[in-house]
Amino acid sequence: MSLASTTCRIAIKAIPNAPKNQVVGWLGDALKVKVHAPALEGRANEELCEFLAESLGLPKRAVSVAQGDKSRQKLVQVEGLTLDQLRQRFRA
C-alpha cells in the first residue's frame, strides 16, 4: 500500500507555550495537543508536526499543517495512516 492511499486529515486544537509537548485528548472530533514552542514565526506549527510524527512513529515529512497556520484550530494532514488508525493510536 502506498503512502498516498493512506492519507487523512485531522482537526487539531493546538495550545502553544505549554510546559511540554503533550497530547491532551479528544474534544469532539478535534485532538487537543499542547506544544512547548511559542506561536512565533511558525515554530509552534513546526513543533506540532514533529511531535505528532514522532508520536505516531512516522517520518517528519508525513505530517503537515493543511489549514490554520495562524489559528489554534488546525487541519493537519497525515500521510501513512488512515483516520481510524490515527484515532486508535491516540485513544486513552
C-alpha atoms as a PDB file:
ATOM      1  CA  MET A   1       0.000   0.000   0.000  1.00  0.00           C
ATOM      2  CA  SER A   2       1.462   3.377  -0.942  1.00  0.00           C
ATOM      3  CA  LEU A   3       1.587   6.366   1.403  1.00  0.00           C
ATOM      4  CA  ALA A   4      -0.662   8.374  -0.905  1.00  0.00           C
ATOM      5  CA  SER A   5      -3.501   5.885  -0.494  1.00  0.00           C
ATOM      6  CA  THR A   6      -3.400   6.197   3.296  1.00  0.00           C
ATOM      7  CA  THR A   7      -3.629   9.906   3.894  1.00  0.00           C
ATOM      8  CA  CYS A   8      -6.001  11.527   6.329  1.00  0.00           C
ATOM      9  CA  ARG A   9      -6.737  14.940   7.755  1.00  0.00           C
ATOM     10  CA  ILE A  10      -7.417  15.546  11.406  1.00  0.00           C
ATOM     11  CA  ALA A  11      -8.711  18.588  13.259  1.00  0.00           C
ATOM     12  CA  ILE A  12      -6.264  19.788  15.916  1.00  0.00           C
ATOM     13  CA  LYS A  13      -6.736  22.297  18.719  1.00  0.00           C
ATOM     14  CA  ALA A  14      -3.193  23.465  19.351  1.00  0.00           C
ATOM     15  CA  ILE A  15      -2.100  25.089  22.613  1.00  0.00           C
ATOM     16  CA  PRO A  16       1.286  26.848  22.237  1.00  0.00           C
ATOM     17  CA  ASN A  17       3.643  27.827  25.094  1.00  0.00           C
ATOM     18  CA  ALA A  18       2.853  24.699  27.122  1.00  0.00           C
ATOM     19  CA  PRO A  19       5.368  23.390  29.677  1.00  0.00           C
ATOM     20  CA  LYS A  20       5.873  20.302  27.465  1.00  0.00           C
ATOM     21  CA  ASN A  21       4.613  18.647  24.291  1.00  0.00           C
ATOM     22  CA  GLN A  22       1.587  16.545  25.128  1.00  0.00           C
ATOM     23  CA  VAL A  23      -1.492  15.022  23.525  1.00  0.00           C
ATOM     24  CA  VAL A  24      -4.305  16.010  25.892  1.00  0.00           C
ATOM     25  CA  GLY A  25      -7.139  14.035  24.299  1.00  0.00           C
ATOM     26  CA  TRP A  26     -10.191  14.392  22.099  1.00  0.00           C
ATOM     27  CA  LEU A  27     -12.515  17.406  22.110  1.00  0.00           C
ATOM     28  CA  GLY A  28     -15.305  16.114  19.894  1.00  0.00           C
ATOM     29  CA  ASP A  29     -13.660  15.427  16.538  1.00  0.00           C
ATOM     30  CA  ALA A  30     -10.568  17.518  17.306  1.00  0.00           C
ATOM     31  CA  LEU A  31      -7.423  16.278  19.013  1.00  0.00           C
ATOM     32  CA  LYS A  32      -6.145  18.720  21.639  1.00  0.00           C
ATOM     33  CA  VAL A  33      -2.350  18.971  21.582  1.00  0.00           C
ATOM     34  CA  LYS A  34      -0.075  21.132  23.729  1.00  0.00           C
ATOM     35  CA  VAL A  35       3.263  22.219  22.271  1.00  0.00           C
ATOM     36  CA  HIS A  36       6.158  23.822  24.104  1.00  0.00           C
ATOM     37  CA  ALA A  37       7.099  26.209  21.273  1.00  0.00           C
ATOM     38  CA  PRO A  38       5.652  29.733  21.139  1.00  0.00           C
ATOM     39  CA  ALA A  39       3.295  30.745  18.316  1.00  0.00           C
ATOM     40  CA  LEU A  40       6.006  32.823  16.626  1.00  0.00           C
ATOM     41  CA  GLU A  41       7.265  32.532  13.053  1.00  0.00           C
ATOM     42  CA  GLY A  42       5.673  29.105  12.595  1.00  0.00           C
ATOM     43  CA  ARG A  43       7.678  27.492  15.392  1.00  0.00           C
ATOM     44  CA  ALA A  44       4.612  26.028  17.122  1.00  0.00           C
ATOM     45  CA  ASN A  45       3.372  24.551  13.823  1.00  0.00           C
ATOM     46  CA  GLU A  46       6.784  23.024  13.149  1.00  0.00           C
ATOM     47  CA  GLU A  47       6.987  21.539  16.635  1.00  0.00           C
ATOM     48  CA  LEU A  48       3.380  20.305  16.418  1.00  0.00           C
ATOM     49  CA  CYS A  49       4.119  18.420  13.192  1.00  0.00           C
ATOM     50  CA  GLU A  50       7.378  16.974  14.532  1.00  0.00           C
ATOM     51  CA  PHE A  51       5.734  15.909  17.800  1.00  0.00           C
ATOM     52  CA  LEU A  52       2.758  14.271  16.053  1.00  0.00           C
ATOM     53  CA  ALA A  53       5.035  12.458  13.589  1.00  0.00           C
ATOM     54  CA  GLU A  54       7.213  11.176  16.434  1.00  0.00           C
ATOM     55  CA  SER A  55       4.151  10.141  18.480  1.00  0.00           C
ATOM     56  CA  LEU A  56       2.745   8.226  15.511  1.00  0.00           C
ATOM     57  CA  GLY A  57       6.068   6.649  14.514  1.00  0.00           C
ATOM     58  CA  LEU A  58       6.098   8.430  11.157  1.00  0.00           C
ATOM     59  CA  PRO A  59       8.793  10.462   9.378  1.00  0.00           C
ATOM     60  CA  LYS A  60       8.629  14.239   9.974  1.00  0.00           C
ATOM     61  CA  ARG A  61       7.648  14.914   6.362  1.00  0.00           C
ATOM     62  CA  ALA A  62       4.498  12.752   6.776  1.00  0.00           C
ATOM     63  CA  VAL A  63       2.759  15.378   8.956  1.00  0.00           C
ATOM     64  CA  SER A  64       1.919  18.892   7.760  1.00  0.00           C
ATOM     65  CA  VAL A  65      -0.490  21.720   8.544  1.00  0.00           C
ATOM     66  CA  ALA A  66      -3.060  21.826   5.722  1.00  0.00           C
ATOM     67  CA  GLN A  67      -5.163  24.698   7.139  1.00  0.00           C
ATOM     68  CA  GLY A  68      -4.990  27.107  10.038  1.00  0.00           C
ATOM     69  CA  ASP A  69      -1.332  28.190  10.037  1.00  0.00           C
ATOM     70  CA  LYS A  70      -2.107  31.160  12.273  1.00  0.00           C
ATOM     71  CA  SER A  71      -5.008  29.663  14.222  1.00  0.00           C
ATOM     72  CA  ARG A  72      -5.271  27.314  17.198  1.00  0.00           C
ATOM     73  CA  GLN A  73      -7.842  25.353  15.185  1.00  0.00           C
ATOM     74  CA  LYS A  74      -5.846  23.493  12.551  1.00  0.00           C
ATOM     75  CA  LEU A  75      -6.373  20.843   9.936  1.00  0.00           C
ATOM     76  CA  VAL A  76      -3.325  18.575   9.881  1.00  0.00           C
ATOM     77  CA  GLN A  77      -2.595  16.147   7.053  1.00  0.00           C
ATOM     78  CA  VAL A  78      -1.044  12.808   7.998  1.00  0.00           C
ATOM     79  CA  GLU A  79       0.407  10.507   5.341  1.00  0.00           C
ATOM     80  CA  GLY A  80       0.785   6.828   6.073  1.00  0.00           C
ATOM     81  CA  LEU A  81      -2.250   6.279   8.318  1.00  0.00           C
ATOM     82  CA  THR A  82      -5.996   6.148   7.856  1.00  0.00           C
ATOM     83  CA  LEU A  83      -8.163   8.266  10.146  1.00  0.00           C
ATOM     84  CA  ASP A  84      -9.247   5.108  12.018  1.00  0.00           C
ATOM     85  CA  GLN A  85      -5.620   4.061  12.603  1.00  0.00           C
ATOM     86  CA  LEU A  86      -4.758   7.552  13.823  1.00  0.00           C
ATOM     87  CA  ARG A  87      -7.738   7.653  16.207  1.00  0.00           C
ATOM     88  CA  GLN A  88      -6.787   4.255  17.651  1.00  0.00           C
ATOM     89  CA  ARG A  89      -3.231   5.408  18.350  1.00  0.00           C
ATOM     90  CA  PHE A  90      -4.462   8.415  20.341  1.00  0.00           C
ATOM     91  CA  ARG A  91      -7.163   6.628  22.343  1.00  0.00           C
ATOM     92  CA  ALA A  92      -6.573   6.980  26.064  1.00  0.00           C
END
